[in-house]
N, C-alpha and C. Protein backbone atom coordinates (compact mmCIF):
# COMPACT_ATOMS: atom_id res chain seq x y z
N MET A 1 -8.96 -1.69 2.55
CA MET A 1 -9.61 -2.87 2.04
C MET A 1 -9.80 -2.72 0.53
N VAL A 2 -9.49 -3.77 -0.18
CA VAL A 2 -9.67 -3.79 -1.63
C VAL A 2 -10.96 -4.54 -1.92
N LEU A 3 -11.92 -3.82 -2.47
CA LEU A 3 -13.24 -4.40 -2.73
C LEU A 3 -13.30 -5.07 -4.10
N MET A 4 -12.26 -5.82 -4.41
CA MET A 4 -12.17 -6.56 -5.66
C MET A 4 -11.61 -7.94 -5.34
N PRO A 5 -11.74 -8.89 -6.26
CA PRO A 5 -11.21 -10.23 -5.99
C PRO A 5 -9.70 -10.32 -6.08
N ASP A 6 -9.05 -9.33 -6.72
CA ASP A 6 -7.59 -9.34 -6.82
C ASP A 6 -7.09 -7.91 -6.96
N THR A 7 -5.77 -7.76 -6.95
CA THR A 7 -5.16 -6.43 -7.07
C THR A 7 -3.81 -6.54 -7.75
N ALA A 8 -3.43 -5.48 -8.43
CA ALA A 8 -2.10 -5.42 -9.04
C ALA A 8 -1.05 -5.01 -8.00
N TRP A 9 -1.50 -4.49 -6.87
CA TRP A 9 -0.60 -4.00 -5.83
C TRP A 9 -0.40 -5.07 -4.75
N ILE A 10 0.08 -6.21 -5.17
CA ILE A 10 0.26 -7.36 -4.29
C ILE A 10 1.19 -7.05 -3.13
N GLU A 11 2.19 -6.18 -3.33
CA GLU A 11 3.11 -5.86 -2.24
C GLU A 11 2.39 -5.19 -1.07
N LEU A 12 1.31 -4.47 -1.34
CA LEU A 12 0.55 -3.86 -0.25
C LEU A 12 -0.19 -4.92 0.55
N ILE A 13 -0.62 -5.96 -0.10
CA ILE A 13 -1.24 -7.10 0.59
C ILE A 13 -0.17 -7.81 1.42
N ASP A 14 0.98 -8.08 0.78
CA ASP A 14 2.07 -8.79 1.46
C ASP A 14 2.55 -8.06 2.71
N GLU A 15 2.57 -6.73 2.65
CA GLU A 15 3.05 -5.93 3.78
C GLU A 15 1.97 -5.67 4.83
N GLY A 16 0.74 -6.10 4.54
CA GLY A 16 -0.33 -5.94 5.51
C GLY A 16 -1.05 -4.61 5.47
N TRP A 17 -0.78 -3.80 4.44
CA TRP A 17 -1.44 -2.50 4.33
C TRP A 17 -2.85 -2.64 3.76
N ASN A 18 -3.05 -3.55 2.85
CA ASN A 18 -4.35 -3.80 2.23
C ASN A 18 -4.76 -5.23 2.48
N ILE A 19 -6.04 -5.47 2.38
CA ILE A 19 -6.56 -6.83 2.46
C ILE A 19 -7.65 -6.98 1.40
N LEU A 20 -7.64 -8.10 0.72
CA LEU A 20 -8.66 -8.37 -0.29
C LEU A 20 -9.93 -8.83 0.41
N VAL A 21 -11.03 -8.14 0.16
CA VAL A 21 -12.31 -8.54 0.75
C VAL A 21 -13.37 -8.80 -0.30
N ASP A 22 -13.09 -8.46 -1.57
CA ASP A 22 -14.03 -8.64 -2.66
C ASP A 22 -15.35 -7.97 -2.29
N ALA A 23 -16.47 -8.59 -2.60
CA ALA A 23 -17.77 -8.02 -2.27
C ALA A 23 -18.43 -8.82 -1.15
N ASP A 24 -17.61 -9.47 -0.33
CA ASP A 24 -18.09 -10.31 0.76
C ASP A 24 -18.45 -9.44 1.97
N LYS A 25 -19.76 -9.25 2.18
CA LYS A 25 -20.25 -8.35 3.23
C LYS A 25 -19.68 -8.73 4.60
N GLU A 26 -19.69 -10.00 4.93
CA GLU A 26 -19.19 -10.43 6.24
C GLU A 26 -17.70 -10.15 6.40
N LYS A 27 -16.93 -10.38 5.34
CA LYS A 27 -15.49 -10.14 5.41
C LYS A 27 -15.20 -8.64 5.53
N ILE A 28 -15.98 -7.82 4.84
CA ILE A 28 -15.82 -6.37 4.92
C ILE A 28 -16.08 -5.90 6.35
N ILE A 29 -17.16 -6.38 6.95
CA ILE A 29 -17.49 -6.00 8.33
C ILE A 29 -16.42 -6.50 9.29
N GLN A 30 -16.04 -7.77 9.16
CA GLN A 30 -15.03 -8.36 10.05
C GLN A 30 -13.71 -7.60 9.97
N GLU A 31 -13.23 -7.35 8.77
CA GLU A 31 -11.95 -6.65 8.60
C GLU A 31 -12.06 -5.20 9.04
N GLY A 32 -13.18 -4.57 8.77
CA GLY A 32 -13.38 -3.19 9.19
C GLY A 32 -13.33 -3.05 10.70
N LEU A 33 -14.02 -3.94 11.40
CA LEU A 33 -14.02 -3.91 12.86
C LEU A 33 -12.63 -4.23 13.40
N SER A 34 -11.94 -5.16 12.76
CA SER A 34 -10.59 -5.53 13.18
C SER A 34 -9.65 -4.34 13.08
N LYS A 35 -9.74 -3.59 11.99
CA LYS A 35 -8.83 -2.45 11.78
C LYS A 35 -9.13 -1.31 12.74
N ILE A 36 -10.38 -1.18 13.16
CA ILE A 36 -10.74 -0.12 14.10
C ILE A 36 -10.13 -0.38 15.47
N THR A 37 -10.03 -1.65 15.84
CA THR A 37 -9.57 -2.00 17.19
C THR A 37 -8.10 -2.40 17.25
N THR A 38 -7.41 -2.43 16.11
CA THR A 38 -6.00 -2.84 16.08
C THR A 38 -5.13 -1.63 15.77
N PRO A 39 -4.06 -1.43 16.54
CA PRO A 39 -3.16 -0.29 16.24
C PRO A 39 -2.61 -0.38 14.82
N GLY A 40 -2.38 0.77 14.21
CA GLY A 40 -1.86 0.82 12.85
C GLY A 40 -0.42 0.37 12.74
N LYS A 41 -0.05 0.02 11.54
CA LYS A 41 1.31 -0.42 11.25
C LYS A 41 2.20 0.79 10.97
N ILE A 42 3.46 0.70 11.37
CA ILE A 42 4.42 1.78 11.09
C ILE A 42 4.75 1.76 9.60
N ALA A 43 4.73 2.94 8.99
CA ALA A 43 4.99 3.05 7.55
C ALA A 43 6.43 2.68 7.22
N GLU A 44 6.58 1.90 6.18
CA GLU A 44 7.90 1.56 5.64
C GLU A 44 7.94 2.08 4.21
N PHE A 45 9.13 2.29 3.71
CA PHE A 45 9.28 2.83 2.36
C PHE A 45 9.39 1.68 1.35
N ILE A 46 8.28 1.00 1.08
CA ILE A 46 8.34 -0.13 0.15
C ILE A 46 8.44 0.33 -1.30
N TYR A 47 8.15 1.61 -1.56
CA TYR A 47 8.27 2.15 -2.92
C TYR A 47 9.39 3.16 -3.03
N GLY A 48 10.34 3.13 -2.13
CA GLY A 48 11.43 4.10 -2.16
C GLY A 48 11.23 5.16 -1.10
N ASN A 49 12.00 6.23 -1.19
CA ASN A 49 11.95 7.27 -0.15
C ASN A 49 11.37 8.59 -0.65
N GLY A 50 10.82 8.62 -1.84
CA GLY A 50 10.21 9.84 -2.36
C GLY A 50 11.19 10.79 -3.02
N GLN A 51 12.42 10.38 -3.21
CA GLN A 51 13.45 11.26 -3.77
C GLN A 51 13.81 10.93 -5.22
N ALA A 52 13.06 10.05 -5.85
CA ALA A 52 13.41 9.60 -7.21
C ALA A 52 13.44 10.76 -8.22
N GLY A 53 12.45 11.63 -8.17
CA GLY A 53 12.39 12.75 -9.11
C GLY A 53 13.60 13.66 -9.00
N GLU A 54 13.98 13.96 -7.77
CA GLU A 54 15.14 14.81 -7.53
C GLU A 54 16.42 14.14 -8.05
N LYS A 55 16.57 12.85 -7.80
CA LYS A 55 17.74 12.12 -8.28
C LYS A 55 17.80 12.09 -9.80
N ILE A 56 16.67 11.89 -10.44
CA ILE A 56 16.61 11.87 -11.91
C ILE A 56 17.00 13.25 -12.46
N ALA A 57 16.43 14.30 -11.88
CA ALA A 57 16.74 15.65 -12.33
C ALA A 57 18.22 15.97 -12.18
N MET A 58 18.81 15.61 -11.05
CA MET A 58 20.22 15.87 -10.82
C MET A 58 21.09 15.09 -11.81
N THR A 59 20.72 13.84 -12.09
CA THR A 59 21.48 13.04 -13.04
C THR A 59 21.40 13.65 -14.44
N LEU A 60 20.21 14.10 -14.82
CA LEU A 60 20.06 14.73 -16.14
C LEU A 60 20.87 16.03 -16.23
N LEU A 61 20.84 16.83 -15.19
CA LEU A 61 21.60 18.08 -15.18
C LEU A 61 23.10 17.83 -15.24
N MET A 62 23.56 16.80 -14.56
CA MET A 62 24.99 16.49 -14.54
C MET A 62 25.48 15.96 -15.89
N HIS A 63 24.58 15.37 -16.66
CA HIS A 63 24.99 14.77 -17.93
C HIS A 63 24.51 15.57 -19.14
N ALA A 64 24.04 16.79 -18.89
CA ALA A 64 23.53 17.63 -19.99
C ALA A 64 24.67 18.35 -20.69
C-alpha cells in the first residue's frame, strides 16, 4: 500500500502490486484486510530479469 496520494511507480499500481490508499483510514483497513485474505500474485519481471549489470559489464569488456 502506498500511503501517499500518488506515486512515481505507476507500473506497480497498473500490475496490481501496489495500491494508492493515501491517508484514508478506511481504505487502508479495507485494502489491508483484502490482501490478507486474497492469494498473492505471481511475480513477473516488469523491470527486467536482474541481469542488466552482467550484460553491461560483458559489453564493456568486449569493447575495451
